[in-house]
């Protein structure tokens, strides 16, 4: 099975990194109460950290690393599209050479921190009934819609229909967080 290429902002990896990890953490506070007791308070999940390691090999290996480094220096978060992880808004938090670079071989490590900006506004549920494609009600004639099933992601849906994830996001402006879609929701895919 061939996986799609990993992407971040305008950079596309020539081949996917070979090692991936995701660190999930939950912040828990401990409050002391009288007589040796304590109370735990769940403060919720902290940032999700996505790490990996890869190599660039071939005559232009170091040049490819320099392209990746130039993306690292761009400010602000970007869309991280990974062949296995769900798509996420993320900051490019770290990039390291894992050995002395050679012109034909560079081993590197990277780290992305998931961005939760704009996701704290509360859950908004659209209760308006969806109209079938081609009928009145705001949906474009000739457009194709997919009804989301449990466990599906926009990234997976985009692969199924062969439509770029960025295009699906543009066609569906009511989806404020591409990582948060719901079973039964209608998504324009063509």
C-alpha atoms as a PDB file:
ATOM      1  CA  UNK A   1       0.000   0.000   0.000  1.00  0.00           C
ATOM      2  CA  UNK A   2       1.412   3.379  -0.997  1.00  0.00           C
ATOM      3  CA  UNK A   3       0.734   6.207   1.445  1.00  0.00           C
ATOM      4  CA  UNK A   4       0.238   9.803   0.360  1.00  0.00           C
ATOM      5  CA  UNK A   5       3.084  12.241   0.940  1.00  0.00           C
ATOM      6  CA  UNK A   6       3.328  14.171   4.196  1.00  0.00           C
ATOM      7  CA  UNK A   7       2.755  17.933   3.750  1.00  0.00           C
ATOM      8  CA  UNK A   8       3.097  21.052   5.869  1.00  0.00           C
ATOM      9  CA  UNK A   9       2.169  24.496   4.555  1.00  0.00           C
ATOM     10  CA  UNK A  10       3.626  24.525   1.017  1.00  0.00           C
ATOM     11  CA  UNK A  11       6.270  21.835   1.613  1.00  0.00           C
ATOM     12  CA  UNK A  12       5.704  18.255   0.418  1.00  0.00           C
ATOM     13  CA  UNK A  13       8.113  15.554   1.603  1.00  0.00           C
ATOM     14  CA  UNK A  14       9.713  13.738  -1.362  1.00  0.00           C
ATOM     15  CA  UNK A  15       9.232  10.533   0.642  1.00  0.00           C
ATOM     16  CA  UNK A  16       7.628  10.088   4.052  1.00  0.00           C
ATOM     17  CA  UNK A  17       9.763  10.157   7.201  1.00  0.00           C
ATOM     18  CA  UNK A  18      10.529   6.676   8.477  1.00  0.00           C
ATOM     19  CA  UNK A  19       9.680   7.096  12.199  1.00  0.00           C
ATOM     20  CA  UNK A  20       6.563   8.728  13.676  1.00  0.00           C
ATOM     21  CA  UNK A  21       5.409   9.178  17.247  1.00  0.00           C
ATOM     22  CA  UNK A  22       2.592  11.116  18.880  1.00  0.00           C
ATOM     23  CA  UNK A  23       2.707  12.141  22.521  1.00  0.00           C
ATOM     24  CA  UNK A  24      -0.616  12.705  24.265  1.00  0.00           C
ATOM     25  CA  UNK A  25      -0.697  14.146  27.771  1.00  0.00           C
ATOM     26  CA  UNK A  26      -3.350  15.156  30.266  1.00  0.00           C
ATOM     27  CA  UNK A  27      -2.703  17.732  32.951  1.00  0.00           C
ATOM     28  CA  UNK A  28      -3.803  16.606  36.417  1.00  0.00           C
ATOM     29  CA  UNK A  29      -3.644  18.837  39.506  1.00  0.00           C
ATOM     30  CA  UNK A  30      -3.396  17.454  43.035  1.00  0.00           C
ATOM     31  CA  UNK A  31      -5.033  19.415  45.862  1.00  0.00           C
ATOM     32  CA  UNK A  32      -4.235  18.535  49.458  1.00  0.00           C
ATOM     33  CA  UNK A  33      -7.189  18.264  51.832  1.00  0.00           C
ATOM     34  CA  UNK A  34      -7.053  17.832  55.649  1.00  0.00           C
ATOM     35  CA  UNK A  35      -6.151  14.538  57.323  1.00  0.00           C
ATOM     36  CA  UNK A  36      -3.832  13.186  54.646  1.00  0.00           C
ATOM     37  CA  UNK A  37      -6.347  13.122  51.841  1.00  0.00           C
ATOM     38  CA  UNK A  38      -6.116  14.672  48.400  1.00  0.00           C
ATOM     39  CA  UNK A  39      -8.348  15.598  45.511  1.00  0.00           C
ATOM     40  CA  UNK A  40      -7.397  15.183  41.845  1.00  0.00           C
ATOM     41  CA  UNK A  41      -8.558  17.690  39.273  1.00  0.00           C
ATOM     42  CA  UNK A  42      -8.503  16.928  35.555  1.00  0.00           C
ATOM     43  CA  UNK A  43      -7.295  20.072  33.764  1.00  0.00           C
ATOM     44  CA  UNK A  44      -7.750  18.465  30.356  1.00  0.00           C
ATOM     45  CA  UNK A  45      -5.417  17.415  27.608  1.00  0.00           C
ATOM     46  CA  UNK A  46      -2.293  19.407  26.887  1.00  0.00           C
ATOM     47  CA  UNK A  47      -0.794  19.910  23.461  1.00  0.00           C
ATOM     48  CA  UNK A  48      -0.396  16.892  21.234  1.00  0.00           C
ATOM     49  CA  UNK A  49       3.216  16.547  20.081  1.00  0.00           C
ATOM     50  CA  UNK A  50       3.945  14.811  16.775  1.00  0.00           C
ATOM     51  CA  UNK A  51       7.567  13.765  16.294  1.00  0.00           C
ATOM     52  CA  UNK A  52       9.431  11.907  13.625  1.00  0.00           C
ATOM     53  CA  UNK A  53      12.711  11.070  11.998  1.00  0.00           C
ATOM     54  CA  UNK A  54      13.605  10.793   8.352  1.00  0.00           C
ATOM     55  CA  UNK A  55      16.374  10.923   5.795  1.00  0.00           C
ATOM     56  CA  UNK A  56      16.993  12.716   2.554  1.00  0.00           C
ATOM     57  CA  UNK A  57      19.257  10.749   0.236  1.00  0.00           C
ATOM     58  CA  UNK A  58      20.675  11.454  -3.197  1.00  0.00           C
ATOM     59  CA  UNK A  59      22.608  14.196  -4.906  1.00  0.00           C
ATOM     60  CA  UNK A  60      20.313  16.970  -3.624  1.00  0.00           C
ATOM     61  CA  UNK A  61      19.796  15.660  -0.056  1.00  0.00           C
ATOM     62  CA  UNK A  62      21.244  18.688   1.725  1.00  0.00           C
ATOM     63  CA  UNK A  63      19.353  21.071  -0.580  1.00  0.00           C
ATOM     64  CA  UNK A  64      16.116  19.266   0.331  1.00  0.00           C
ATOM     65  CA  UNK A  65      16.902  19.680   4.025  1.00  0.00           C
ATOM     66  CA  UNK A  66      17.487  23.400   3.450  1.00  0.00           C
ATOM     67  CA  UNK A  67      14.017  23.649   1.827  1.00  0.00           C
ATOM     68  CA  UNK A  68      12.492  22.003   4.900  1.00  0.00           C
ATOM     69  CA  UNK A  69      14.470  24.344   7.161  1.00  0.00           C
ATOM     70  CA  UNK A  70      13.112  27.371   5.286  1.00  0.00           C
ATOM     71  CA  UNK A  71       9.569  26.157   6.087  1.00  0.00           C
ATOM     72  CA  UNK A  72      10.583  25.844   9.739  1.00  0.00           C
ATOM     73  CA  UNK A  73      11.502  29.552   9.755  1.00  0.00           C
ATOM     74  CA  UNK A  74       8.064  30.614   8.491  1.00  0.00           C
ATOM     75  CA  UNK A  75       5.996  32.052  11.336  1.00  0.00           C
ATOM     76  CA  UNK A  76       2.610  30.864  12.524  1.00  0.00           C
ATOM     77  CA  UNK A  77       0.779  27.559  12.349  1.00  0.00           C
ATOM     78  CA  UNK A  78       0.038  25.632   9.188  1.00  0.00           C
ATOM     79  CA  UNK A  79      -1.934  22.619   8.082  1.00  0.00           C
ATOM     80  CA  UNK A  80      -0.037  19.358   8.705  1.00  0.00           C
ATOM     81  CA  UNK A  81      -1.284  16.568   6.457  1.00  0.00           C
ATOM     82  CA  UNK A  82       0.130  13.214   7.420  1.00  0.00           C
ATOM     83  CA  UNK A  83      -0.571   9.856   5.754  1.00  0.00           C
ATOM     84  CA  UNK A  84      -1.390   8.168   9.087  1.00  0.00           C
ATOM     85  CA  UNK A  85      -2.264  10.906  11.616  1.00  0.00           C
ATOM     86  CA  UNK A  86      -5.361  12.984  11.266  1.00  0.00           C
ATOM     87  CA  UNK A  87      -4.855  16.354   9.596  1.00  0.00           C
ATOM     88  CA  UNK A  88      -4.106  19.071  12.142  1.00  0.00           C
ATOM     89  CA  UNK A  89      -3.275  22.725  12.419  1.00  0.00           C
ATOM     90  CA  UNK A  90       0.221  22.708  13.884  1.00  0.00           C
ATOM     91  CA  UNK A  91       3.308  24.725  14.681  1.00  0.00           C
ATOM     92  CA  UNK A  92       6.640  23.465  13.339  1.00  0.00           C
ATOM     93  CA  UNK A  93       8.299  23.419  16.772  1.00  0.00           C
ATOM     94  CA  UNK A  94      11.681  21.749  16.156  1.00  0.00           C
ATOM     95  CA  UNK A  95      13.956  20.564  13.373  1.00  0.00           C
ATOM     96  CA  UNK A  96      17.330  18.950  14.035  1.00  0.00           C
ATOM     97  CA  UNK A  97      20.131  17.358  12.096  1.00  0.00           C
ATOM     98  CA  UNK A  98      20.617  13.915  13.597  1.00  0.00           C
ATOM     99  CA  UNK A  99      24.143  13.594  12.211  1.00  0.00           C
ATOM    100  CA  UNK A 100      26.701  15.676  10.405  1.00  0.00           C
ATOM    101  CA  UNK A 101      25.094  16.443   7.033  1.00  0.00           C
ATOM    102  CA  UNK A 102      26.639  15.188   3.830  1.00  0.00           C
ATOM    103  CA  UNK A 103      25.717  16.463   0.365  1.00  0.00           C
ATOM    104  CA  UNK A 104      24.121  13.099  -0.488  1.00  0.00           C
ATOM    105  CA  UNK A 105      22.635  12.021   2.882  1.00  0.00           C
ATOM    106  CA  UNK A 106      20.930  13.952   5.689  1.00  0.00           C
ATOM    107  CA  UNK A 107      19.247  12.345   8.697  1.00  0.00           C
ATOM    108  CA  UNK A 108      16.928  14.696  10.578  1.00  0.00           C
ATOM    109  CA  UNK A 109      14.306  14.812  13.319  1.00  0.00           C
ATOM    110  CA  UNK A 110      11.253  17.058  13.534  1.00  0.00           C
ATOM    111  CA  UNK A 111       8.540  18.018  15.995  1.00  0.00           C
ATOM    112  CA  UNK A 112       5.110  19.576  15.473  1.00  0.00           C
ATOM    113  CA  UNK A 113       2.827  20.880  18.216  1.00  0.00           C
ATOM    114  CA  UNK A 114      -0.882  20.730  17.487  1.00  0.00           C
ATOM    115  CA  UNK A 115      -2.589  24.131  17.464  1.00  0.00           C
ATOM    116  CA  UNK A 116      -5.933  24.437  19.277  1.00  0.00           C
ATOM    117  CA  UNK A 117      -6.490  28.088  18.336  1.00  0.00           C
ATOM    118  CA  UNK A 118     -10.145  28.738  17.635  1.00  0.00           C
ATOM    119  CA  UNK A 119     -11.286  25.385  18.977  1.00  0.00           C
ATOM    120  CA  UNK A 120     -12.431  26.680  22.348  1.00  0.00           C
ATOM    121  CA  UNK A 121     -15.543  28.482  21.086  1.00  0.00           C
ATOM    122  CA  UNK A 122     -17.813  25.638  22.082  1.00  0.00           C
ATOM    123  CA  UNK A 123     -19.551  23.055  19.974  1.00  0.00           C
ATOM    124  CA  UNK A 124     -21.758  24.476  17.242  1.00  0.00           C
ATOM    125  CA  UNK A 125     -24.271  22.059  15.764  1.00  0.00           C
ATOM    126  CA  UNK A 126     -26.051  22.911  12.534  1.00  0.00           C
ATOM    127  CA  UNK A 127     -29.657  21.855  13.070  1.00  0.00           C
ATOM    128  CA  UNK A 128     -30.901  23.069   9.680  1.00  0.00           C
ATOM    129  CA  UNK A 129     -31.992  20.151   7.501  1.00  0.00           C
ATOM    130  CA  UNK A 130     -29.630  19.339   4.633  1.00  0.00           C
ATOM    131  CA  UNK A 131     -31.104  19.472   1.149  1.00  0.00           C
ATOM    132  CA  UNK A 132     -30.122  17.022  -1.562  1.00  0.00           C
ATOM    133  CA  UNK A 133     -27.490  18.050  -4.109  1.00  0.00           C
ATOM    134  CA  UNK A 134     -28.945  20.009  -6.979  1.00  0.00           C
ATOM    135  CA  UNK A 135     -31.968  21.315  -5.092  1.00  0.00           C
ATOM    136  CA  UNK A 136     -32.641  24.727  -3.645  1.00  0.00           C
ATOM    137  CA  UNK A 137     -31.160  25.459  -0.268  1.00  0.00           C
ATOM    138  CA  UNK A 138     -27.656  26.711  -0.910  1.00  0.00           C
ATOM    139  CA  UNK A 139     -25.964  23.615  -2.306  1.00  0.00           C
ATOM    140  CA  UNK A 140     -24.414  23.994  -5.736  1.00  0.00           C
ATOM    141  CA  UNK A 141     -26.025  22.128  -8.642  1.00  0.00           C
ATOM    142  CA  UNK A 142     -23.884  19.216  -9.819  1.00  0.00           C
ATOM    143  CA  UNK A 143     -21.879  19.105  -6.597  1.00  0.00           C
ATOM    144  CA  UNK A 144     -21.302  15.721  -4.933  1.00  0.00           C
ATOM    145  CA  UNK A 145     -21.827  15.318  -1.182  1.00  0.00           C
ATOM    146  CA  UNK A 146     -20.666  12.594   1.179  1.00  0.00           C
ATOM    147  CA  UNK A 147     -22.505  11.704   4.400  1.00  0.00           C
ATOM    148  CA  UNK A 148     -19.951  11.247   7.165  1.00  0.00           C
ATOM    149  CA  UNK A 149     -19.901   7.834   8.857  1.00  0.00           C
ATOM    150  CA  UNK A 150     -18.592   7.183  12.364  1.00  0.00           C
ATOM    151  CA  UNK A 151     -14.781   7.192  12.518  1.00  0.00           C
ATOM    152  CA  UNK A 152     -14.236   8.969   9.201  1.00  0.00           C
ATOM    153  CA  UNK A 153     -11.853  11.906   8.785  1.00  0.00           C
ATOM    154  CA  UNK A 154     -11.776  14.605   6.121  1.00  0.00           C
ATOM    155  CA  UNK A 155      -8.373  13.317   5.066  1.00  0.00           C
ATOM    156  CA  UNK A 156      -9.750   9.805   4.536  1.00  0.00           C
ATOM    157  CA  UNK A 157     -12.782  11.148   2.667  1.00  0.00           C
ATOM    158  CA  UNK A 158     -10.519  13.232   0.410  1.00  0.00           C
ATOM    159  CA  UNK A 159      -8.507  10.117  -0.453  1.00  0.00           C
ATOM    160  CA  UNK A 160     -11.678   8.127  -1.187  1.00  0.00           C
ATOM    161  CA  UNK A 161     -12.939  10.707  -3.684  1.00  0.00           C
ATOM    162  CA  UNK A 162      -9.517  11.727  -5.048  1.00  0.00           C
ATOM    163  CA  UNK A 163     -10.142  15.353  -4.102  1.00  0.00           C
ATOM    164  CA  UNK A 164      -7.463  17.483  -2.451  1.00  0.00           C
ATOM    165  CA  UNK A 165      -8.092  18.004   1.262  1.00  0.00           C
ATOM    166  CA  UNK A 166      -7.501  21.748   0.878  1.00  0.00           C
ATOM    167  CA  UNK A 167     -10.267  21.874  -1.776  1.00  0.00           C
ATOM    168  CA  UNK A 168     -12.732  20.020   0.471  1.00  0.00           C
ATOM    169  CA  UNK A 169     -11.949  22.481   3.264  1.00  0.00           C
ATOM    170  CA  UNK A 170     -12.617  25.422   0.890  1.00  0.00           C
ATOM    171  CA  UNK A 171     -15.913  23.909  -0.297  1.00  0.00           C
ATOM    172  CA  UNK A 172     -17.113  23.370   3.284  1.00  0.00           C
ATOM    173  CA  UNK A 173     -16.590  26.687   5.138  1.00  0.00           C
ATOM    174  CA  UNK A 174     -19.122  25.673   7.805  1.00  0.00           C
ATOM    175  CA  UNK A 175     -16.571  23.118   9.047  1.00  0.00           C
ATOM    176  CA  UNK A 176     -14.566  25.359  11.357  1.00  0.00           C
ATOM    177  CA  UNK A 177     -12.211  22.599  12.553  1.00  0.00           C
ATOM    178  CA  UNK A 178     -11.178  20.077   9.837  1.00  0.00           C
ATOM    179  CA  UNK A 179     -10.338  17.568  12.595  1.00  0.00           C
ATOM    180  CA  UNK A 180     -13.876  17.633  13.976  1.00  0.00           C
ATOM    181  CA  UNK A 181     -16.604  16.204  11.757  1.00  0.00           C
ATOM    182  CA  UNK A 182     -19.690  14.314  12.869  1.00  0.00           C
ATOM    183  CA  UNK A 183     -21.565  11.204  11.695  1.00  0.00           C
ATOM    184  CA  UNK A 184     -24.479  12.232   9.491  1.00  0.00           C
ATOM    185  CA  UNK A 185     -22.842  15.516   8.475  1.00  0.00           C
ATOM    186  CA  UNK A 186     -22.919  16.294   4.721  1.00  0.00           C
ATOM    187  CA  UNK A 187     -19.553  17.211   3.180  1.00  0.00           C
ATOM    188  CA  UNK A 188     -19.094  18.460  -0.373  1.00  0.00           C
ATOM    189  CA  UNK A 189     -16.426  16.311  -2.060  1.00  0.00           C
ATOM    190  CA  UNK A 190     -16.752  17.160  -5.796  1.00  0.00           C
END
